[in-house]
Amino acid sequence: MVMAKGPGYKAPIKTVSDQQGKVISIEGVGNSRTIEAKGGETIQIEGADNKVVIRGNVSKVIIEGKGNTVTGNDVSTVTIEGADNMVNIGSVETVQIEGIKNHVHYKSTKNKSGQVKVSTEGADNMVMKMK
């Protein structure tokens, strides 16, 4: 978890290409960012109290930290390590959570079973379908 930069530090959005595709990384504390996704990207958020809006569909959202809020459209996989993080998305297939008081709200899933694949470790984590 990256918190050494202090409150209000506005880290630049880093974009890195790896073998699996493009990784867009946001680090720091208290950042507000809007990401225009083209499709297939991985969004990685490290830090605390960041607010991220994702426009477009991405393959993965990874959150490491505390108090981050993410809003987006369709995401294949959401992975959270930390506490008090909130994710509101349109569609998701897999959710993995380690930590406490993390919430993932979604509207639908593309899984044939009609159920999201959920793995949680910790207390007071919630994955809930919204109407």
C-alpha atoms as a PDB file:
ATOM      1  CA  MET A   1       0.000   0.000   0.000  1.00  0.00           C
ATOM      2  CA  VAL A   2       1.403   3.414  -0.978  1.00  0.00           C
ATOM      3  CA  MET A   3       0.629   6.194   1.488  1.00  0.00           C
ATOM      4  CA  ALA A   4       4.035   7.798   1.989  1.00  0.00           C
ATOM      5  CA  LYS A   5       3.306  10.768  -0.275  1.00  0.00           C
ATOM      6  CA  GLY A   6       0.840  12.413   2.135  1.00  0.00           C
ATOM      7  CA  PRO A   7      -2.695  13.765   1.875  1.00  0.00           C
ATOM      8  CA  GLY A   8      -3.546  15.628  -1.268  1.00  0.00           C
ATOM      9  CA  TYR A   9      -0.651  14.201  -3.281  1.00  0.00           C
ATOM     10  CA  LYS A  10      -1.861  13.978  -6.886  1.00  0.00           C
ATOM     11  CA  ALA A  11       0.161  11.198  -8.427  1.00  0.00           C
ATOM     12  CA  PRO A  12       0.044  11.045 -12.197  1.00  0.00           C
ATOM     13  CA  ILE A  13      -1.883   8.178 -13.747  1.00  0.00           C
ATOM     14  CA  LYS A  14       0.660   5.649 -14.953  1.00  0.00           C
ATOM     15  CA  THR A  15      -0.047   3.449 -17.945  1.00  0.00           C
ATOM     16  CA  VAL A  16       2.095   0.373 -18.458  1.00  0.00           C
ATOM     17  CA  SER A  17       1.729  -2.323 -21.105  1.00  0.00           C
ATOM     18  CA  ASP A  18       2.475  -5.898 -20.124  1.00  0.00           C
ATOM     19  CA  GLN A  19       1.893  -9.227 -21.829  1.00  0.00           C
ATOM     20  CA  GLN A  20      -1.740  -9.358 -20.697  1.00  0.00           C
ATOM     21  CA  GLY A  21      -2.574  -5.844 -21.908  1.00  0.00           C
ATOM     22  CA  LYS A  22      -2.607  -2.293 -20.609  1.00  0.00           C
ATOM     23  CA  VAL A  23      -2.353  -1.595 -16.856  1.00  0.00           C
ATOM     24  CA  ILE A  24      -3.505   1.826 -15.649  1.00  0.00           C
ATOM     25  CA  SER A  25      -2.161   2.582 -12.178  1.00  0.00           C
ATOM     26  CA  ILE A  26      -3.352   5.218  -9.707  1.00  0.00           C
ATOM     27  CA  GLU A  27      -1.350   5.710  -6.512  1.00  0.00           C
ATOM     28  CA  GLY A  28      -1.674   8.076  -3.605  1.00  0.00           C
ATOM     29  CA  VAL A  29      -4.163   9.626  -1.229  1.00  0.00           C
ATOM     30  CA  GLY A  30      -7.302  11.618  -2.014  1.00  0.00           C
ATOM     31  CA  ASN A  31      -7.078  11.515  -5.799  1.00  0.00           C
ATOM     32  CA  SER A  32     -10.165  11.979  -7.986  1.00  0.00           C
ATOM     33  CA  ARG A  33      -9.717  10.492 -11.444  1.00  0.00           C
ATOM     34  CA  THR A  34     -11.845   9.615 -14.461  1.00  0.00           C
ATOM     35  CA  ILE A  35     -10.437   6.910 -16.718  1.00  0.00           C
ATOM     36  CA  GLU A  36     -11.602   6.541 -20.314  1.00  0.00           C
ATOM     37  CA  ALA A  37     -11.211   2.805 -20.943  1.00  0.00           C
ATOM     38  CA  LYS A  38     -10.936   1.362 -24.434  1.00  0.00           C
ATOM     39  CA  GLY A  39     -11.661  -2.226 -23.293  1.00  0.00           C
ATOM     40  CA  GLY A  40      -9.471  -4.929 -21.762  1.00  0.00           C
ATOM     41  CA  GLU A  41      -7.435  -2.713 -19.435  1.00  0.00           C
ATOM     42  CA  THR A  42      -6.498  -3.516 -15.843  1.00  0.00           C
ATOM     43  CA  ILE A  43      -7.072  -0.630 -13.413  1.00  0.00           C
ATOM     44  CA  GLN A  44      -4.828  -0.778 -10.340  1.00  0.00           C
ATOM     45  CA  ILE A  45      -5.527   1.564  -7.422  1.00  0.00           C
ATOM     46  CA  GLU A  46      -3.103   1.777  -4.497  1.00  0.00           C
ATOM     47  CA  GLY A  47      -3.618   4.122  -1.580  1.00  0.00           C
ATOM     48  CA  ALA A  48      -6.398   5.680   0.426  1.00  0.00           C
ATOM     49  CA  ASP A  49      -9.525   7.747  -0.143  1.00  0.00           C
ATOM     50  CA  ASN A  50      -9.214   7.815  -3.932  1.00  0.00           C
ATOM     51  CA  LYS A  51     -12.338   8.307  -6.075  1.00  0.00           C
ATOM     52  CA  VAL A  52     -12.117   6.689  -9.497  1.00  0.00           C
ATOM     53  CA  VAL A  53     -14.737   6.718 -12.262  1.00  0.00           C
ATOM     54  CA  ILE A  54     -14.163   4.251 -15.077  1.00  0.00           C
ATOM     55  CA  ARG A  55     -15.891   5.032 -18.372  1.00  0.00           C
ATOM     56  CA  GLY A  56     -15.935   1.998 -20.624  1.00  0.00           C
ATOM     57  CA  ASN A  57     -15.356  -1.674 -19.870  1.00  0.00           C
ATOM     58  CA  VAL A  58     -12.214  -3.145 -18.302  1.00  0.00           C
ATOM     59  CA  SER A  59     -11.005  -6.664 -17.639  1.00  0.00           C
ATOM     60  CA  LYS A  60      -9.871  -6.153 -14.051  1.00  0.00           C
ATOM     61  CA  VAL A  61      -9.984  -3.681 -11.163  1.00  0.00           C
ATOM     62  CA  ILE A  62      -7.415  -4.194  -8.395  1.00  0.00           C
ATOM     63  CA  ILE A  63      -7.739  -2.126  -5.216  1.00  0.00           C
ATOM     64  CA  GLU A  64      -5.086  -2.156  -2.501  1.00  0.00           C
ATOM     65  CA  GLY A  65      -5.777   0.251   0.324  1.00  0.00           C
ATOM     66  CA  LYS A  66      -8.451   1.908   2.415  1.00  0.00           C
ATOM     67  CA  GLY A  67     -11.490   4.043   1.706  1.00  0.00           C
ATOM     68  CA  ASN A  68     -11.297   3.973  -2.089  1.00  0.00           C
ATOM     69  CA  THR A  69     -14.466   4.422  -4.177  1.00  0.00           C
ATOM     70  CA  VAL A  70     -14.715   3.035  -7.714  1.00  0.00           C
ATOM     71  CA  THR A  71     -17.631   3.468 -10.096  1.00  0.00           C
ATOM     72  CA  GLY A  72     -17.735   1.800 -13.491  1.00  0.00           C
ATOM     73  CA  ASN A  73     -19.497  -0.187 -16.178  1.00  0.00           C
ATOM     74  CA  ASP A  74     -18.536  -3.787 -16.921  1.00  0.00           C
ATOM     75  CA  VAL A  75     -15.588  -5.435 -15.164  1.00  0.00           C
ATOM     76  CA  SER A  76     -14.656  -9.110 -15.479  1.00  0.00           C
ATOM     77  CA  THR A  77     -12.820  -9.337 -12.125  1.00  0.00           C
ATOM     78  CA  VAL A  78     -12.699  -7.139  -9.014  1.00  0.00           C
ATOM     79  CA  THR A  79      -9.900  -7.838  -6.509  1.00  0.00           C
ATOM     80  CA  ILE A  80      -9.729  -5.934  -3.206  1.00  0.00           C
ATOM     81  CA  GLU A  81      -7.126  -6.053  -0.443  1.00  0.00           C
ATOM     82  CA  GLY A  82      -7.841  -3.590   2.331  1.00  0.00           C
ATOM     83  CA  ALA A  83     -10.648  -1.966   4.264  1.00  0.00           C
ATOM     84  CA  ASP A  84     -13.668   0.271   3.700  1.00  0.00           C
ATOM     85  CA  ASN A  85     -13.475   0.194  -0.112  1.00  0.00           C
ATOM     86  CA  MET A  86     -16.655   0.662  -2.189  1.00  0.00           C
ATOM     87  CA  VAL A  87     -17.167  -0.544  -5.780  1.00  0.00           C
ATOM     88  CA  ASN A  88     -20.335   0.199  -7.804  1.00  0.00           C
ATOM     89  CA  ILE A  89     -20.355  -1.429 -11.236  1.00  0.00           C
ATOM     90  CA  GLY A  90     -22.709  -2.553 -13.956  1.00  0.00           C
ATOM     91  CA  SER A  91     -21.571  -6.124 -14.552  1.00  0.00           C
ATOM     92  CA  VAL A  92     -19.014  -8.429 -12.913  1.00  0.00           C
ATOM     93  CA  GLU A  93     -18.055 -12.088 -13.172  1.00  0.00           C
ATOM     94  CA  THR A  94     -15.590 -12.645 -10.296  1.00  0.00           C
ATOM     95  CA  VAL A  95     -15.048 -10.808  -6.970  1.00  0.00           C
ATOM     96  CA  GLN A  96     -12.122 -11.568  -4.634  1.00  0.00           C
ATOM     97  CA  ILE A  97     -11.884  -9.730  -1.307  1.00  0.00           C
ATOM     98  CA  GLU A  98      -9.343  -9.867   1.508  1.00  0.00           C
ATOM     99  CA  GLY A  99      -9.940  -7.399   4.321  1.00  0.00           C
ATOM    100  CA  ILE A 100     -12.769  -5.801   6.256  1.00  0.00           C
ATOM    101  CA  LYS A 101     -15.832  -3.712   5.425  1.00  0.00           C
ATOM    102  CA  ASN A 102     -15.395  -3.796   1.641  1.00  0.00           C
ATOM    103  CA  HIS A 103     -18.547  -3.541  -0.495  1.00  0.00           C
ATOM    104  CA  VAL A 104     -19.088  -4.462  -4.138  1.00  0.00           C
ATOM    105  CA  HIS A 105     -22.461  -3.579  -5.681  1.00  0.00           C
ATOM    106  CA  TYR A 106     -23.308  -4.754  -9.193  1.00  0.00           C
ATOM    107  CA  LYS A 107     -26.327  -4.857 -11.509  1.00  0.00           C
ATOM    108  CA  SER A 108     -25.685  -8.051 -13.494  1.00  0.00           C
ATOM    109  CA  THR A 109     -23.269 -10.832 -14.356  1.00  0.00           C
ATOM    110  CA  LYS A 110     -22.345 -12.510 -17.629  1.00  0.00           C
ATOM    111  CA  ASN A 111     -21.820 -15.866 -15.887  1.00  0.00           C
ATOM    112  CA  LYS A 112     -24.075 -18.601 -17.288  1.00  0.00           C
ATOM    113  CA  SER A 113     -25.102 -19.574 -13.746  1.00  0.00           C
ATOM    114  CA  GLY A 114     -26.450 -16.069 -13.142  1.00  0.00           C
ATOM    115  CA  GLN A 115     -24.264 -15.876 -10.023  1.00  0.00           C
ATOM    116  CA  VAL A 116     -21.048 -13.945  -9.443  1.00  0.00           C
ATOM    117  CA  LYS A 117     -18.056 -16.063  -8.362  1.00  0.00           C
ATOM    118  CA  VAL A 118     -17.225 -14.669  -4.899  1.00  0.00           C
ATOM    119  CA  SER A 119     -14.230 -15.347  -2.650  1.00  0.00           C
ATOM    120  CA  THR A 120     -13.913 -13.396   0.619  1.00  0.00           C
ATOM    121  CA  GLU A 121     -11.561 -13.460   3.584  1.00  0.00           C
ATOM    122  CA  GLY A 122     -12.152 -11.116   6.488  1.00  0.00           C
ATOM    123  CA  ALA A 123     -15.104  -9.549   8.253  1.00  0.00           C
ATOM    124  CA  ASP A 124     -18.097  -7.488   7.118  1.00  0.00           C
ATOM    125  CA  ASN A 125     -17.396  -7.758   3.381  1.00  0.00           C
ATOM    126  CA  MET A 126     -20.414  -7.590   1.063  1.00  0.00           C
ATOM    127  CA  VAL A 127     -21.035  -8.481  -2.575  1.00  0.00           C
ATOM    128  CA  MET A 128     -24.585  -7.528  -3.505  1.00  0.00           C
ATOM    129  CA  LYS A 129     -26.709  -7.409  -6.633  1.00  0.00           C
ATOM    130  CA  MET A 130     -28.589  -4.109  -7.045  1.00  0.00           C
ATOM    131  CA  LYS A 131     -31.958  -3.731  -8.745  1.00  0.00           C
END
